[in-house]
């Protein structure tokens, strides 16, 4: 919470907050936190989480799973968009 007060656009702290709410069973709060993450960082994708340099890559998967439990899904790319 302190990180978000100091730097509201910090996507990593927002992703951690989403996962923390999921872990506590606060799914509605997690969905709201996910909405805030996506509003403040519209370019957010799972690639942001995959980029994190955890030694144990299970943490990357753990964070992605938490975001998905809150309702996150990768945007579908349009045909012919790369």
PDB file of N, CA and C in Angstrom:
ATOM      1  N   UNK A   1       0.821  -1.192   0.000  1.00  0.00           N
ATOM      2  CA  UNK A   1       0.000   0.000   0.000  1.00  0.00           C
ATOM      3  C   UNK A   1       0.870   1.263   0.000  1.00  0.00           C
ATOM      4  N   UNK A   2       1.963   1.212   0.748  1.00  0.00           N
ATOM      5  CA  UNK A   2       2.841   2.379   0.792  1.00  0.00           C
ATOM      6  C   UNK A   2       3.444   2.644  -0.588  1.00  0.00           C
ATOM      7  N   UNK A   3       3.853   1.585  -1.285  1.00  0.00           N
ATOM      8  CA  UNK A   3       4.404   1.756  -2.635  1.00  0.00           C
ATOM      9  C   UNK A   3       3.406   2.429  -3.552  1.00  0.00           C
ATOM     10  N   UNK A   4       2.141   2.034  -3.431  1.00  0.00           N
ATOM     11  CA  UNK A   4       1.113   2.612  -4.299  1.00  0.00           C
ATOM     12  C   UNK A   4       0.786   4.054  -3.936  1.00  0.00           C
ATOM     13  N   UNK A   5       0.900   4.388  -2.664  1.00  0.00           N
ATOM     14  CA  UNK A   5       0.698   5.791  -2.269  1.00  0.00           C
ATOM     15  C   UNK A   5       1.814   6.664  -2.824  1.00  0.00           C
ATOM     16  N   UNK A   6       3.038   6.141  -2.784  1.00  0.00           N
ATOM     17  CA  UNK A   6       4.184   6.923  -3.250  1.00  0.00           C
ATOM     18  C   UNK A   6       4.264   6.980  -4.771  1.00  0.00           C
ATOM     19  N   UNK A   7       3.849   5.893  -5.417  1.00  0.00           N
ATOM     20  CA  UNK A   7       3.949   5.818  -6.883  1.00  0.00           C
ATOM     21  C   UNK A   7       2.734   5.065  -7.428  1.00  0.00           C
ATOM     22  N   UNK A   8       1.606   5.747  -7.610  1.00  0.00           N
ATOM     23  CA  UNK A   8       0.350   5.104  -7.996  1.00  0.00           C
ATOM     24  C   UNK A   8       0.402   4.311  -9.306  1.00  0.00           C
ATOM     25  N   UNK A   9       1.313   4.644 -10.185  1.00  0.00           N
ATOM     26  CA  UNK A   9       1.397   3.948 -11.461  1.00  0.00           C
ATOM     27  C   UNK A   9       2.316   2.739 -11.467  1.00  0.00           C
ATOM     28  N   UNK A  10       2.822   2.334 -10.318  1.00  0.00           N
ATOM     29  CA  UNK A  10       3.789   1.236 -10.225  1.00  0.00           C
ATOM     30  C   UNK A  10       3.084  -0.095 -10.465  1.00  0.00           C
ATOM     31  N   UNK A  11       3.207  -0.619 -11.690  1.00  0.00           N
ATOM     32  CA  UNK A  11       2.451  -1.808 -12.083  1.00  0.00           C
ATOM     33  C   UNK A  11       2.781  -3.019 -11.220  1.00  0.00           C
ATOM     34  N   UNK A  12       4.040  -3.181 -10.832  1.00  0.00           N
ATOM     35  CA  UNK A  12       4.426  -4.364 -10.058  1.00  0.00           C
ATOM     36  C   UNK A  12       3.717  -4.385  -8.703  1.00  0.00           C
ATOM     37  N   UNK A  13       3.689  -3.255  -8.021  1.00  0.00           N
ATOM     38  CA  UNK A  13       2.999  -3.189  -6.733  1.00  0.00           C
ATOM     39  C   UNK A  13       1.505  -3.452  -6.911  1.00  0.00           C
ATOM     40  N   UNK A  14       0.934  -2.971  -7.999  1.00  0.00           N
ATOM     41  CA  UNK A  14      -0.485  -3.222  -8.267  1.00  0.00           C
ATOM     42  C   UNK A  14      -0.731  -4.699  -8.531  1.00  0.00           C
ATOM     43  N   UNK A  15       0.146  -5.356  -9.279  1.00  0.00           N
ATOM     44  CA  UNK A  15      -0.008  -6.792  -9.545  1.00  0.00           C
ATOM     45  C   UNK A  15       0.101  -7.591  -8.247  1.00  0.00           C
ATOM     46  N   UNK A  16       1.035  -7.219  -7.379  1.00  0.00           N
ATOM     47  CA  UNK A  16       1.185  -7.885  -6.087  1.00  0.00           C
ATOM     48  C   UNK A  16      -0.073  -7.695  -5.255  1.00  0.00           C
ATOM     49  N   UNK A  17      -0.646  -6.497  -5.282  1.00  0.00           N
ATOM     50  CA  UNK A  17      -1.873  -6.227  -4.529  1.00  0.00           C
ATOM     51  C   UNK A  17      -3.016  -7.104  -5.027  1.00  0.00           C
ATOM     52  N   UNK A  18      -3.148  -7.248  -6.343  1.00  0.00           N
ATOM     53  CA  UNK A  18      -4.190  -8.120  -6.906  1.00  0.00           C
ATOM     54  C   UNK A  18      -4.028  -9.529  -6.356  1.00  0.00           C
ATOM     55  N   UNK A  19      -2.817 -10.051  -6.435  1.00  0.00           N
ATOM     56  CA  UNK A  19      -2.558 -11.421  -5.982  1.00  0.00           C
ATOM     57  C   UNK A  19      -2.770 -11.580  -4.474  1.00  0.00           C
ATOM     58  N   UNK A  20      -2.424 -10.571  -3.709  1.00  0.00           N
ATOM     59  CA  UNK A  20      -2.632 -10.636  -2.258  1.00  0.00           C
ATOM     60  C   UNK A  20      -4.117 -10.717  -1.933  1.00  0.00           C
ATOM     61  N   UNK A  21      -4.931  -9.956  -2.632  1.00  0.00           N
ATOM     62  CA  UNK A  21      -6.375 -10.012  -2.407  1.00  0.00           C
ATOM     63  C   UNK A  21      -6.942 -11.366  -2.811  1.00  0.00           C
ATOM     64  N   UNK A  22      -6.454 -11.921  -3.912  1.00  0.00           N
ATOM     65  CA  UNK A  22      -6.889 -13.255  -4.332  1.00  0.00           C
ATOM     66  C   UNK A  22      -6.541 -14.269  -3.249  1.00  0.00           C
ATOM     67  N   UNK A  23      -5.326 -14.202  -2.748  1.00  0.00           N
ATOM     68  CA  UNK A  23      -4.863 -15.139  -1.727  1.00  0.00           C
ATOM     69  C   UNK A  23      -5.721 -15.063  -0.463  1.00  0.00           C
ATOM     70  N   UNK A  24      -6.199 -13.870  -0.142  1.00  0.00           N
ATOM     71  CA  UNK A  24      -7.054 -13.697   1.037  1.00  0.00           C
ATOM     72  C   UNK A  24      -8.518 -14.039   0.758  1.00  0.00           C
ATOM     73  N   UNK A  25      -8.824 -14.400  -0.474  1.00  0.00           N
ATOM     74  CA  UNK A  25     -10.191 -14.728  -0.828  1.00  0.00           C
ATOM     75  C   UNK A  25     -11.058 -13.514  -1.092  1.00  0.00           C
ATOM     76  N   UNK A  26     -10.443 -12.369  -1.272  1.00  0.00           N
ATOM     77  CA  UNK A  26     -11.157 -11.109  -1.513  1.00  0.00           C
ATOM     78  C   UNK A  26     -11.252 -10.872  -3.020  1.00  0.00           C
ATOM     79  N   UNK A  27     -12.037 -11.715  -3.698  1.00  0.00           N
ATOM     80  CA  UNK A  27     -12.051 -11.674  -5.157  1.00  0.00           C
ATOM     81  C   UNK A  27     -12.615 -10.380  -5.723  1.00  0.00           C
ATOM     82  N   UNK A  28     -13.633  -9.825  -5.094  1.00  0.00           N
ATOM     83  CA  UNK A  28     -14.185  -8.565  -5.606  1.00  0.00           C
ATOM     84  C   UNK A  28     -13.162  -7.434  -5.474  1.00  0.00           C
ATOM     85  N   UNK A  29     -12.458  -7.393  -4.358  1.00  0.00           N
ATOM     86  CA  UNK A  29     -11.409  -6.372  -4.169  1.00  0.00           C
ATOM     87  C   UNK A  29     -10.277  -6.623  -5.161  1.00  0.00           C
ATOM     88  N   UNK A  30      -9.948  -7.896  -5.407  1.00  0.00           N
ATOM     89  CA  UNK A  30      -8.905  -8.239  -6.375  1.00  0.00           C
ATOM     90  C   UNK A  30      -9.302  -7.775  -7.770  1.00  0.00           C
ATOM     91  N   UNK A  31     -10.569  -7.947  -8.134  1.00  0.00           N
ATOM     92  CA  UNK A  31     -11.040  -7.494  -9.451  1.00  0.00           C
ATOM     93  C   UNK A  31     -10.949  -5.976  -9.566  1.00  0.00           C
ATOM     94  N   UNK A  32     -11.277  -5.287  -8.492  1.00  0.00           N
ATOM     95  CA  UNK A  32     -11.166  -3.825  -8.505  1.00  0.00           C
ATOM     96  C   UNK A  32      -9.702  -3.405  -8.644  1.00  0.00           C
ATOM     97  N   UNK A  33      -8.824  -4.089  -7.926  1.00  0.00           N
ATOM     98  CA  UNK A  33      -7.389  -3.783  -8.009  1.00  0.00           C
ATOM     99  C   UNK A  33      -6.861  -4.084  -9.410  1.00  0.00           C
ATOM    100  N   UNK A  34      -7.358  -5.154 -10.020  1.00  0.00           N
ATOM    101  CA  UNK A  34      -6.973  -5.475 -11.396  1.00  0.00           C
ATOM    102  C   UNK A  34      -7.438  -4.379 -12.344  1.00  0.00           C
ATOM    103  N   UNK A  35      -8.647  -3.899 -12.159  1.00  0.00           N
ATOM    104  CA  UNK A  35      -9.155  -2.800 -12.982  1.00  0.00           C
ATOM    105  C   UNK A  35      -8.288  -1.559 -12.863  1.00  0.00           C
ATOM    106  N   UNK A  36      -7.849  -1.273 -11.648  1.00  0.00           N
ATOM    107  CA  UNK A  36      -6.970  -0.114 -11.424  1.00  0.00           C
ATOM    108  C   UNK A  36      -5.621  -0.330 -12.108  1.00  0.00           C
ATOM    109  N   UNK A  37      -5.085  -1.548 -12.015  1.00  0.00           N
ATOM    110  CA  UNK A  37      -3.820  -1.865 -12.689  1.00  0.00           C
ATOM    111  C   UNK A  37      -3.946  -1.621 -14.188  1.00  0.00           C
ATOM    112  N   UNK A  38      -5.011  -2.134 -14.788  1.00  0.00           N
ATOM    113  CA  UNK A  38      -5.180  -2.009 -16.236  1.00  0.00           C
ATOM    114  C   UNK A  38      -5.488  -0.570 -16.651  1.00  0.00           C
ATOM    115  N   UNK A  39      -6.150   0.179 -15.790  1.00  0.00           N
ATOM    116  CA  UNK A  39      -6.423   1.589 -16.097  1.00  0.00           C
ATOM    117  C   UNK A  39      -5.144   2.415 -16.060  1.00  0.00           C
ATOM    118  N   UNK A  40      -4.280   2.130 -15.109  1.00  0.00           N
ATOM    119  CA  UNK A  40      -3.043   2.905 -14.960  1.00  0.00           C
ATOM    120  C   UNK A  40      -1.925   2.421 -15.877  1.00  0.00           C
ATOM    121  N   UNK A  41      -2.027   1.183 -16.317  1.00  0.00           N
ATOM    122  CA  UNK A  41      -1.001   0.618 -17.202  1.00  0.00           C
ATOM    123  C   UNK A  41      -1.710  -0.151 -18.326  1.00  0.00           C
ATOM    124  N   UNK A  42      -2.288   0.579 -19.287  1.00  0.00           N
ATOM    125  CA  UNK A  42      -3.063  -0.077 -20.344  1.00  0.00           C
ATOM    126  C   UNK A  42      -2.250  -1.056 -21.191  1.00  0.00           C
ATOM    127  N   UNK A  43      -0.951  -0.905 -21.217  1.00  0.00           N
ATOM    128  CA  UNK A  43      -0.109  -1.806 -22.007  1.00  0.00           C
ATOM    129  C   UNK A  43       0.277  -3.068 -21.225  1.00  0.00           C
ATOM    130  N   UNK A  44      -0.238  -3.214 -20.001  1.00  0.00           N
ATOM    131  CA  UNK A  44       0.127  -4.361 -19.176  1.00  0.00           C
ATOM    132  C   UNK A  44      -0.218  -5.665 -19.885  1.00  0.00           C
ATOM    133  N   UNK A  45       0.682  -6.630 -19.758  1.00  0.00           N
ATOM    134  CA  UNK A  45       0.437  -7.975 -20.272  1.00  0.00           C
ATOM    135  C   UNK A  45       1.216  -8.967 -19.412  1.00  0.00           C
ATOM    136  N   UNK A  46       0.973 -10.225 -19.646  1.00  0.00           N
ATOM    137  CA  UNK A  46       1.698 -11.260 -18.906  1.00  0.00           C
ATOM    138  C   UNK A  46       3.198 -11.159 -19.148  1.00  0.00           C
ATOM    139  N   UNK A  47       3.587 -10.545 -20.243  1.00  0.00           N
ATOM    140  CA  UNK A  47       5.021 -10.359 -20.526  1.00  0.00           C
ATOM    141  C   UNK A  47       5.694  -9.536 -19.434  1.00  0.00           C
ATOM    142  N   UNK A  48       4.950  -8.612 -18.822  1.00  0.00           N
ATOM    143  CA  UNK A  48       5.506  -7.848 -17.701  1.00  0.00           C
ATOM    144  C   UNK A  48       5.914  -8.799 -16.576  1.00  0.00           C
ATOM    145  N   UNK A  49       5.050  -9.753 -16.269  1.00  0.00           N
ATOM    146  CA  UNK A  49       5.333 -10.715 -15.191  1.00  0.00           C
ATOM    147  C   UNK A  49       6.427 -11.678 -15.617  1.00  0.00           C
ATOM    148  N   UNK A  50       6.377 -12.138 -16.852  1.00  0.00           N
ATOM    149  CA  UNK A  50       7.401 -13.066 -17.343  1.00  0.00           C
ATOM    150  C   UNK A  50       8.784 -12.425 -17.330  1.00  0.00           C
ATOM    151  N   UNK A  51       8.838 -11.098 -17.480  1.00  0.00           N
ATOM    152  CA  UNK A  51      10.104 -10.364 -17.489  1.00  0.00           C
ATOM    153  C   UNK A  51      10.776 -10.344 -16.118  1.00  0.00           C
ATOM    154  N   UNK A  52       9.994 -10.479 -15.046  1.00  0.00           N
ATOM    155  CA  UNK A  52      10.561 -10.386 -13.696  1.00  0.00           C
ATOM    156  C   UNK A  52      11.625 -11.462 -13.495  1.00  0.00           C
ATOM    157  N   UNK A  53      12.787 -11.074 -12.965  1.00  0.00           N
ATOM    158  CA  UNK A  53      13.926 -11.997 -12.899  1.00  0.00           C
ATOM    159  C   UNK A  53      13.968 -12.881 -11.648  1.00  0.00           C
ATOM    160  N   UNK A  54      12.864 -13.539 -11.340  1.00  0.00           N
ATOM    161  CA  UNK A  54      12.887 -14.458 -10.201  1.00  0.00           C
ATOM    162  C   UNK A  54      13.795 -15.643 -10.515  1.00  0.00           C
ATOM    163  N   UNK A  55      14.595 -16.045  -9.556  1.00  0.00           N
ATOM    164  CA  UNK A  55      15.433 -17.226  -9.733  1.00  0.00           C
ATOM    165  C   UNK A  55      14.558 -18.461  -9.902  1.00  0.00           C
ATOM    166  N   UNK A  56      13.518 -18.553  -9.086  1.00  0.00           N
ATOM    167  CA  UNK A  56      12.567 -19.651  -9.188  1.00  0.00           C
ATOM    168  C   UNK A  56      11.387 -19.157 -10.022  1.00  0.00           C
ATOM    169  N   UNK A  57      11.287 -19.616 -11.251  1.00  0.00           N
ATOM    170  CA  UNK A  57      10.277 -19.141 -12.195  1.00  0.00           C
ATOM    171  C   UNK A  57       8.858 -19.493 -11.759  1.00  0.00           C
ATOM    172  N   UNK A  58       8.709 -20.316 -10.724  1.00  0.00           N
ATOM    173  CA  UNK A  58       7.370 -20.623 -10.217  1.00  0.00           C
ATOM    174  C   UNK A  58       6.686 -19.365  -9.703  1.00  0.00           C
ATOM    175  N   UNK A  59       7.468 -18.373  -9.237  1.00  0.00           N
ATOM    176  CA  UNK A  59       6.884 -17.129  -8.747  1.00  0.00           C
ATOM    177  C   UNK A  59       6.227 -16.352  -9.878  1.00  0.00           C
ATOM    178  N   UNK A  60       6.820 -16.402 -11.055  1.00  0.00           N
ATOM    179  CA  UNK A  60       6.210 -15.738 -12.209  1.00  0.00           C
ATOM    180  C   UNK A  60       4.852 -16.389 -12.507  1.00  0.00           C
ATOM    181  N   UNK A  61       4.831 -17.720 -12.531  1.00  0.00           N
ATOM    182  CA  UNK A  61       3.581 -18.437 -12.791  1.00  0.00           C
ATOM    183  C   UNK A  61       2.563 -18.176 -11.685  1.00  0.00           C
ATOM    184  N   UNK A  62       3.025 -18.085 -10.456  1.00  0.00           N
ATOM    185  CA  UNK A  62       2.145 -17.814  -9.321  1.00  0.00           C
ATOM    186  C   UNK A  62       1.449 -16.464  -9.487  1.00  0.00           C
ATOM    187  N   UNK A  63       2.201 -15.451  -9.882  1.00  0.00           N
ATOM    188  CA  UNK A  63       1.627 -14.118 -10.080  1.00  0.00           C
ATOM    189  C   UNK A  63       0.635 -14.115 -11.250  1.00  0.00           C
ATOM    190  N   UNK A  64       0.989 -14.769 -12.333  1.00  0.00           N
ATOM    191  CA  UNK A  64       0.079 -14.844 -13.480  1.00  0.00           C
ATOM    192  C   UNK A  64      -1.202 -15.566 -13.083  1.00  0.00           C
ATOM    193  N   UNK A  65      -1.084 -16.662 -12.346  1.00  0.00           N
ATOM    194  CA  UNK A  65      -2.273 -17.389 -11.887  1.00  0.00           C
ATOM    195  C   UNK A  65      -3.158 -16.500 -11.020  1.00  0.00           C
ATOM    196  N   UNK A  66      -2.561 -15.720 -10.128  1.00  0.00           N
ATOM    197  CA  UNK A  66      -3.328 -14.826  -9.274  1.00  0.00           C
ATOM    198  C   UNK A  66      -4.080 -13.779 -10.082  1.00  0.00           C
ATOM    199  N   UNK A  67      -3.411 -13.214 -11.089  1.00  0.00           N
ATOM    200  CA  UNK A  67      -4.062 -12.230 -11.949  1.00  0.00           C
ATOM    201  C   UNK A  67      -5.221 -12.864 -12.714  1.00  0.00           C
ATOM    202  N   UNK A  68      -5.017 -14.076 -13.192  1.00  0.00           N
ATOM    203  CA  UNK A  68      -6.088 -14.767 -13.910  1.00  0.00           C
ATOM    204  C   UNK A  68      -7.264 -15.078 -12.995  1.00  0.00           C
ATOM    205  N   UNK A  69      -6.996 -15.449 -11.752  1.00  0.00           N
ATOM    206  CA  UNK A  69      -8.083 -15.716 -10.805  1.00  0.00           C
ATOM    207  C   UNK A  69      -8.900 -14.451 -10.535  1.00  0.00           C
ATOM    208  N   UNK A  70      -8.264 -13.297 -10.685  1.00  0.00           N
ATOM    209  CA  UNK A  70      -8.969 -12.026 -10.499  1.00  0.00           C
ATOM    210  C   UNK A  70      -9.723 -11.616 -11.759  1.00  0.00           C
ATOM    211  N   UNK A  71      -9.525 -12.371 -12.852  1.00  0.00           N
ATOM    212  CA  UNK A  71     -10.257 -12.091 -14.078  1.00  0.00           C
ATOM    213  C   UNK A  71      -9.427 -11.596 -15.240  1.00  0.00           C
ATOM    214  N   UNK A  72      -8.107 -11.548 -15.071  1.00  0.00           N
ATOM    215  CA  UNK A  72      -7.256 -11.071 -16.155  1.00  0.00           C
ATOM    216  C   UNK A  72      -7.183 -12.106 -17.267  1.00  0.00           C
ATOM    217  N   UNK A  73      -7.223 -11.628 -18.494  1.00  0.00           N
ATOM    218  CA  UNK A  73      -6.930 -12.478 -19.641  1.00  0.00           C
ATOM    219  C   UNK A  73      -6.221 -11.617 -20.671  1.00  0.00           C
ATOM    220  N   UNK A  74      -5.323 -12.232 -21.390  1.00  0.00           N
ATOM    221  CA  UNK A  74      -4.574 -11.512 -22.417  1.00  0.00           C
ATOM    222  C   UNK A  74      -5.539 -11.040 -23.501  1.00  0.00           C
ATOM    223  N   UNK A  75      -5.391  -9.815 -23.958  1.00  0.00           N
ATOM    224  CA  UNK A  75      -6.221  -9.350 -25.070  1.00  0.00           C
ATOM    225  C   UNK A  75      -5.933 -10.188 -26.312  1.00  0.00           C
ATOM    226  N   UNK A  76      -6.959 -10.477 -27.059  1.00  0.00           N
ATOM    227  CA  UNK A  76      -6.764 -11.224 -28.317  1.00  0.00           C
ATOM    228  C   UNK A  76      -6.207 -10.283 -29.364  1.00  0.00           C
ATOM    229  N   UNK A  77      -5.222 -10.771 -30.081  1.00  0.00           N
ATOM    230  CA  UNK A  77      -4.667  -9.970 -31.174  1.00  0.00           C
ATOM    231  C   UNK A  77      -5.558 -10.108 -32.395  1.00  0.00           C
ATOM    232  N   UNK A  78      -5.690  -9.027 -33.123  1.00  0.00           N
ATOM    233  CA  UNK A  78      -6.484  -9.055 -34.349  1.00  0.00           C
ATOM    234  C   UNK A  78      -5.704  -9.759 -35.433  1.00  0.00           C
ATOM    235  N   UNK A  79      -6.397 -10.437 -36.305  1.00  0.00           N
ATOM    236  CA  UNK A  79      -5.775 -11.120 -37.427  1.00  0.00           C
ATOM    237  C   UNK A  79      -4.949 -10.128 -38.233  1.00  0.00           C
ATOM    238  N   UNK A  80      -3.713 -10.511 -38.506  1.00  0.00           N
ATOM    239  CA  UNK A  80      -2.841  -9.673 -39.313  1.00  0.00           C
ATOM    240  C   UNK A  80      -2.136  -8.577 -38.518  1.00  0.00           C
ATOM    241  N   UNK A  81      -2.223  -8.632 -37.178  1.00  0.00           N
ATOM    242  CA  UNK A  81      -1.580  -7.563 -36.388  1.00  0.00           C
ATOM    243  C   UNK A  81      -0.232  -7.973 -35.855  1.00  0.00           C
ATOM    244  N   UNK A  82       0.411  -8.889 -36.521  1.00  0.00           N
ATOM    245  CA  UNK A  82       1.775  -9.212 -36.122  1.00  0.00           C
ATOM    246  C   UNK A  82       1.869 -10.531 -35.581  1.00  0.00           C
TER     247      UNK A  82
END
